Protein backbone atom coordinates (compact mmCIF):
# COMPACT_ATOMS: atom_id res chain seq x y z
CA MET A 1 27.71 13.28 29.57
CA GLY A 2 25.52 10.42 28.44
CA LYS A 3 21.99 10.45 27.12
CA ILE A 4 18.86 8.38 26.73
CA ALA A 5 18.25 8.48 23.01
CA LEU A 6 15.13 6.30 22.83
CA ALA A 7 12.41 5.07 25.19
CA ALA A 8 9.72 2.56 24.36
CA LYS A 9 7.04 0.26 25.68
CA VAL A 10 7.46 -3.12 23.97
CA THR A 11 5.77 -6.48 23.76
CA HIS A 12 7.49 -9.77 24.50
CA VAL A 13 4.64 -12.27 24.06
CA PRO A 14 5.88 -15.84 23.41
CA SER A 15 3.70 -16.11 20.33
CA ILE A 16 6.19 -13.75 18.66
CA TYR A 17 8.78 -16.50 18.87
CA MET A 18 6.21 -19.09 17.77
CA SER A 19 5.56 -16.90 14.74
CA GLU A 20 8.99 -17.92 13.45
CA LEU A 21 8.33 -21.63 13.72
CA ASP A 22 6.56 -23.95 11.33
CA GLY A 23 3.01 -24.62 12.40
CA PRO A 24 -0.35 -22.84 12.73
CA ARG A 25 1.15 -19.74 14.38
CA LYS A 26 3.80 -19.16 11.72
CA GLY A 27 3.77 -15.54 10.53
CA THR A 28 0.94 -14.46 12.81
CA ARG A 29 3.02 -11.94 14.81
CA GLN A 30 4.99 -10.45 11.96
CA ASP A 31 3.70 -6.96 12.77
CA ALA A 32 5.09 -7.22 16.30
CA ILE A 33 8.42 -8.50 14.99
CA GLN A 34 8.62 -5.60 12.54
CA GLY A 35 7.88 -3.12 15.34
CA LEU A 36 10.71 -4.50 17.45
CA GLN A 37 13.04 -4.48 14.45
CA GLU A 38 12.15 -0.84 13.76
CA ILE A 39 13.04 0.10 17.34
CA GLY A 40 16.35 -1.68 16.89
CA ARG A 41 16.95 0.18 13.62
CA ARG A 42 16.27 3.52 15.30
CA CYS A 43 18.61 2.65 18.16
CA ARG A 44 21.41 2.01 15.67
CA GLU A 45 20.66 5.25 13.87
CA LEU A 46 20.82 7.13 17.18
CA GLY A 47 24.15 5.62 18.16
CA VAL A 48 22.85 3.60 21.11
CA ASP A 49 25.49 1.41 22.72
CA THR A 50 23.40 -0.21 25.49
CA ILE A 51 19.75 -1.15 25.91
CA VAL A 52 18.33 -1.22 29.44
CA VAL A 53 15.26 -3.45 29.71
CA PHE A 54 12.69 -3.21 32.52
CA ASP A 55 11.70 -6.89 32.53
CA THR A 56 8.29 -7.86 33.92
CA HIS A 57 9.29 -11.53 33.89
CA TRP A 58 12.09 -11.07 36.42
CA LEU A 59 10.35 -11.71 39.74
CA VAL A 60 11.91 -10.27 42.89
CA ASN A 61 10.63 -10.19 46.46
CA ALA A 62 12.95 -7.65 48.08
CA GLY A 63 14.94 -4.76 46.64
CA TYR A 64 15.41 -3.80 43.01
CA HIS A 65 17.99 -5.73 41.01
CA VAL A 66 20.12 -5.10 37.94
CA ASN A 67 21.54 -7.99 35.91
CA CYS A 68 24.69 -6.54 34.41
CA ALA A 69 26.90 -9.55 33.74
CA ALA A 70 29.57 -9.05 31.10
CA HIS A 71 28.07 -11.67 28.78
CA PHE A 72 24.93 -13.76 28.47
CA LYS A 73 24.66 -17.01 26.55
CA GLY A 74 22.43 -20.04 26.79
CA SER A 75 19.29 -21.87 25.77
CA TYR A 76 16.05 -20.60 27.28
CA THR A 77 12.83 -22.46 28.05
CA SER A 78 10.02 -20.57 29.74
CA ASN A 79 8.98 -22.07 33.07
CA GLU A 80 5.64 -20.30 32.65
CA LEU A 81 4.87 -21.37 29.09
CA PRO A 82 7.31 -24.15 28.11
CA HIS A 83 5.06 -25.14 25.22
CA PHE A 84 5.45 -21.62 23.77
CA ILE A 85 9.17 -20.93 24.28
CA SER A 86 11.43 -23.98 24.38
CA ASN A 87 15.18 -24.23 23.80
CA MET A 88 15.49 -20.70 22.41
CA ALA A 89 19.18 -19.91 21.93
CA TYR A 90 20.47 -16.49 22.96
CA GLU A 91 23.73 -14.60 23.27
CA LEU A 92 24.12 -10.98 24.35
CA PRO A 93 26.97 -8.75 25.55
CA GLY A 94 26.38 -7.05 28.91
CA ASN A 95 27.51 -3.77 30.45
CA PRO A 96 28.71 -4.17 34.06
CA HIS A 97 29.91 -0.56 34.27
CA LEU A 98 26.54 0.91 33.41
CA GLY A 99 24.67 -1.54 35.61
CA LYS A 100 26.72 -0.52 38.64
CA LEU A 101 26.12 3.15 37.89
CA LEU A 102 22.35 2.54 37.76
CA ALA A 103 22.35 0.84 41.16
CA LYS A 104 24.58 3.52 42.70
CA SER A 105 22.27 6.30 41.50
CA ALA A 106 19.13 4.51 42.71
CA ASN A 107 20.58 3.95 46.18
CA ALA A 108 21.57 7.62 46.34
CA LEU A 109 17.89 8.50 45.83
CA GLY A 110 16.78 6.10 48.55
CA VAL A 111 15.69 3.19 46.33
CA GLU A 112 17.44 0.02 47.49
CA THR A 113 19.04 -1.54 44.41
CA LEU A 114 21.70 -4.20 43.85
CA ALA A 115 23.81 -4.67 40.72
CA HIS A 116 24.84 -8.21 39.83
CA ASP A 117 27.82 -8.45 37.51
CA ALA A 118 29.59 -11.58 38.80
CA THR A 119 26.53 -13.80 38.40
CA THR A 120 25.22 -16.86 36.60
CA LEU A 121 21.74 -15.32 36.59
CA SER A 122 20.24 -15.47 33.10
CA PRO A 123 17.88 -12.87 31.61
CA GLU A 124 14.18 -13.67 31.46
CA TYR A 125 12.13 -13.67 28.28
CA GLY A 126 10.93 -10.12 28.84
CA THR A 127 14.48 -9.25 27.84
CA LEU A 128 15.32 -12.14 25.53
CA VAL A 129 12.33 -11.92 23.17
CA PRO A 130 12.74 -8.21 22.27
CA MET A 131 16.51 -8.64 21.95
CA ARG A 132 16.03 -11.54 19.55
CA TYR A 133 14.61 -9.10 16.99
CA MET A 134 16.37 -5.88 17.96
CA ASN A 135 19.83 -7.26 18.64
CA ALA A 136 20.33 -10.52 16.74
CA ASP A 137 23.89 -9.52 15.77
CA GLN A 138 24.82 -8.52 19.35
CA HIS A 139 25.34 -4.92 18.26
CA PHE A 140 24.03 -3.56 21.59
CA LYS A 141 25.09 -4.29 25.12
CA VAL A 142 22.17 -5.25 27.35
CA VAL A 143 21.31 -4.58 31.00
CA SER A 144 18.18 -6.12 32.54
CA VAL A 145 16.28 -4.59 35.47
CA SER A 146 13.81 -6.51 37.64
CA ALA A 147 10.24 -5.31 37.05
CA LEU A 148 8.02 -8.09 38.42
CA CYS A 149 8.14 -6.53 41.86
CA MET A 150 6.13 -8.41 44.47
CA SER A 151 6.49 -6.14 47.52
CA HIS A 152 7.34 -2.76 46.02
CA TYR A 153 5.54 0.57 45.65
CA LEU A 154 4.99 1.98 42.19
CA ASN A 155 6.35 5.25 43.61
CA ASP A 156 9.73 3.67 44.12
CA SER A 157 9.73 2.25 40.61
CA ALA A 158 9.13 5.75 39.25
CA ARG A 159 12.01 7.03 41.38
CA LEU A 160 14.18 4.16 40.13
CA GLY A 161 13.43 5.25 36.57
CA TRP A 162 14.50 8.80 37.38
CA ALA A 163 17.65 7.53 39.08
CA ILE A 164 18.48 5.56 35.95
CA ARG A 165 18.15 8.71 33.88
CA ARG A 166 20.37 10.64 36.28
CA ALA A 167 23.02 7.91 36.18
CA ILE A 168 23.06 7.93 32.38
CA GLU A 169 23.02 11.69 31.90
CA ASP A 170 25.35 12.60 34.77
CA GLU A 171 27.86 9.76 34.94
CA TYR A 172 27.77 7.52 31.86
CA ASP A 173 29.82 8.26 28.77
CA GLY A 174 27.54 6.76 26.15
CA THR A 175 24.09 6.53 24.60
CA VAL A 176 21.33 4.33 26.00
CA ALA A 177 17.84 3.16 25.09
CA ILE A 178 15.33 2.12 27.77
CA LEU A 179 12.52 -0.38 27.20
CA ALA A 180 9.52 -1.13 29.39
CA SER A 181 8.95 -4.77 28.43
CA GLY A 182 5.39 -5.67 29.35
CA SER A 183 1.79 -5.58 28.28
CA LEU A 184 -1.11 -3.21 28.68
CA SER A 185 -3.95 -5.20 30.33
CA HIS A 186 -2.73 -8.66 31.26
CA ARG A 187 -5.68 -10.87 32.10
CA PHE A 188 -4.75 -14.22 30.62
CA ALA A 189 -7.45 -16.43 29.19
CA GLN A 190 -8.79 -18.89 31.72
CA ASN A 191 -7.15 -22.31 31.68
CA GLY A 192 -8.55 -24.38 28.83
CA GLN A 193 -9.69 -21.29 26.90
CA ALA A 194 -6.33 -20.00 25.70
CA PRO A 195 -6.77 -21.19 22.08
CA ASP A 196 -10.07 -19.31 21.87
CA PHE A 197 -8.38 -16.09 23.04
CA ALA A 198 -5.15 -16.34 21.05
CA PHE A 199 -6.14 -13.16 19.18
CA LYS A 200 -8.76 -11.72 21.54
CA ILE A 201 -8.74 -9.56 24.68
CA TRP A 202 -10.20 -11.24 27.74
CA SER A 203 -13.03 -8.73 28.21
CA PRO A 204 -14.59 -5.67 26.52
CA PHE A 205 -13.87 -3.64 29.66
CA LEU A 206 -10.13 -4.33 29.47
CA GLU A 207 -10.05 -3.65 25.75
CA GLN A 208 -11.74 -0.27 26.15
CA LEU A 209 -9.51 0.56 29.11
CA ASP A 210 -6.40 -0.16 27.05
CA HIS A 211 -7.64 1.95 24.15
CA GLU A 212 -8.24 4.89 26.48
CA VAL A 213 -4.72 4.54 27.87
CA ILE A 214 -3.27 4.58 24.36
CA ARG A 215 -5.32 7.70 23.62
CA LEU A 216 -3.88 9.39 26.71
CA TRP A 217 -0.35 8.45 25.63
CA GLN A 218 -0.85 9.80 22.12
CA ALA A 219 -2.47 12.99 23.43
CA GLY A 220 0.28 13.56 26.00
CA GLU A 221 -2.14 13.56 28.93
CA TRP A 222 0.47 12.38 31.42
CA ASN A 223 -0.97 13.95 34.54
CA THR A 224 -4.15 11.93 33.99
CA PHE A 225 -2.30 8.73 33.15
CA CYS A 226 0.14 8.93 36.05
CA GLY A 227 -2.73 9.60 38.44
CA MET A 228 -4.63 6.53 37.25
CA LEU A 229 -1.67 4.15 36.92
CA PRO A 230 -2.04 2.40 40.31
CA GLU A 231 -5.72 1.68 39.69
CA TYR A 232 -5.05 0.75 36.05
CA ALA A 233 -2.41 -1.71 37.22
CA ALA A 234 -4.88 -3.29 39.63
CA LYS A 235 -8.02 -3.38 37.49
CA GLY A 236 -6.11 -4.11 34.30
CA HIS A 237 -4.31 -7.10 35.88
CA GLY A 238 -1.05 -5.30 35.11
CA GLU A 239 1.87 -7.45 34.06
CA GLY A 240 4.50 -7.14 36.77
CA PHE A 241 1.96 -4.81 38.43
CA MET A 242 3.04 -2.33 35.70
CA HIS A 243 6.29 -1.51 37.46
CA ASP A 244 7.98 -1.39 34.05
CA THR A 245 5.63 1.41 33.02
CA ALA A 246 6.28 3.32 36.25
CA MET A 247 10.03 3.00 35.63
CA LEU A 248 9.66 4.23 32.06
CA LEU A 249 7.52 7.24 32.99
CA GLY A 250 9.80 8.00 35.93
CA ALA A 251 12.76 8.21 33.56
CA LEU A 252 10.81 10.43 31.17
CA GLY A 253 9.72 12.91 33.85
CA TRP A 254 6.51 11.41 35.26
CA SER A 255 3.52 13.76 35.11
CA ALA A 256 5.74 16.61 33.84
CA TYR A 257 6.68 14.59 30.75
CA ASP A 258 5.61 16.48 27.64
CA GLY A 259 6.11 13.99 24.83
CA ARG A 260 3.50 12.07 22.86
CA ALA A 261 3.70 8.36 22.16
CA GLU A 262 4.21 7.06 18.64
CA VAL A 263 2.59 3.67 18.04
CA LEU A 264 4.73 1.39 15.87
CA THR A 265 2.80 -1.86 16.28
CA PRO A 266 -0.91 -1.16 16.72
CA TYR A 267 -2.67 -2.62 19.75
CA PHE A 268 -3.18 -6.36 19.46
CA ALA A 269 -4.41 -9.25 21.57
CA ALA A 270 -2.45 -12.29 22.70
CA SER A 271 -3.95 -15.02 24.90
CA GLY A 272 -6.40 -12.50 26.35
CA THR A 273 -3.80 -9.77 27.00
CA GLY A 274 -3.33 -6.35 25.35
CA GLN A 275 -0.02 -5.66 23.59
CA ILE A 276 1.72 -2.80 21.78
CA ASN A 277 5.05 -1.44 20.56
CA ALA A 278 5.21 2.31 21.16
CA VAL A 279 8.04 4.86 21.24
CA PHE A 280 8.09 7.74 23.74
CA PRO A 281 10.20 10.76 22.68
CA VAL A 282 12.77 11.68 25.31
CA THR A 283 12.35 15.36 26.19
CA PRO A 284 14.47 17.59 28.47
CA GLN A 285 13.68 17.47 32.20
CA GLU A 286 15.00 19.39 35.16
CA GLY A 287 18.07 17.72 36.61
CA ASN A 288 16.97 18.04 40.24
CA ALA A 289 13.34 16.95 39.83
CA ILE A 290 12.40 13.52 41.11
CA PRO A 291 9.21 11.95 39.74
CA GLY A 292 6.81 10.13 42.02
CA ALA A 293 5.57 11.09 45.46
CA GLN A 294 6.40 10.32 49.07
CA ALA A 295 8.93 7.62 48.16
CA SER A 296 7.81 4.45 49.98
CA THR A 297 4.80 5.79 51.86
CA GLY A 298 2.08 4.32 49.67
CA ALA A 299 0.90 3.18 46.28
CA THR A 300 -0.62 6.49 45.17
CA MET A 301 1.50 8.68 42.92
CA ALA A 302 0.90 12.26 41.86
CA GLY A 303 3.00 15.23 40.88
CA ARG A 304 6.73 15.59 41.51
CA LEU A 305 8.96 15.91 44.56
């Protein structure tokens, strides 16, 4: 029935928005903006009707959650960085039908998930910033998935990603793109040092770690990457504990994925963190294979069920 036409790991750093505004940051993130715009262009070319965003700024403490209201509109100020994003207007159409299908599929695979369609819950900036550049004309419907998961196993996030793929391919009559919205390493500059690290990674170790991860992605070494993801998330100070990345790789097939990442916006630093825009080709996977391992039994993931 339906299909996932595009998958990507995207940046949402607030300095992208600041790059629009008059001042010393104006124009400094144009490469990131162009990368997001290119992903939006490809989505249009592929006939995508809905974009599902795994948002590492949506914090949840129990269960997985899907924000699938029919319509989103408002003015957003970041509670984390109100001096970076303030009074940013947004308006997006939602897709309640797809959101409910995603939750239904996840629950069927044993991953507790709730869909929220009759809600006043607004999207976080992990969704709003990419959509500002990919979807300014409201061409795409948008569904946001919680990916700052405080008491969740990465295994379950991988299984959630696979459940999302199954829902789209088996039950949805349409074409979808999925975005993991989050960073590579995410060690913010220490308080008081942020201006000094506006365009620098916090440490040489984290920078080299990120570069090795990008190499693995481009080489298609997914067994290695999936095996190291839990430790990478911990030692790389993973944004949202890298649940967005686990969801993305789960949807793509986990360690059996056989695509190679295409970097659209080369690796860059923002306030000490490592950022990128990269597209992951969606390749065929067996319909009854579930990525991840042992469901909720621990944080280590390897192979397939």
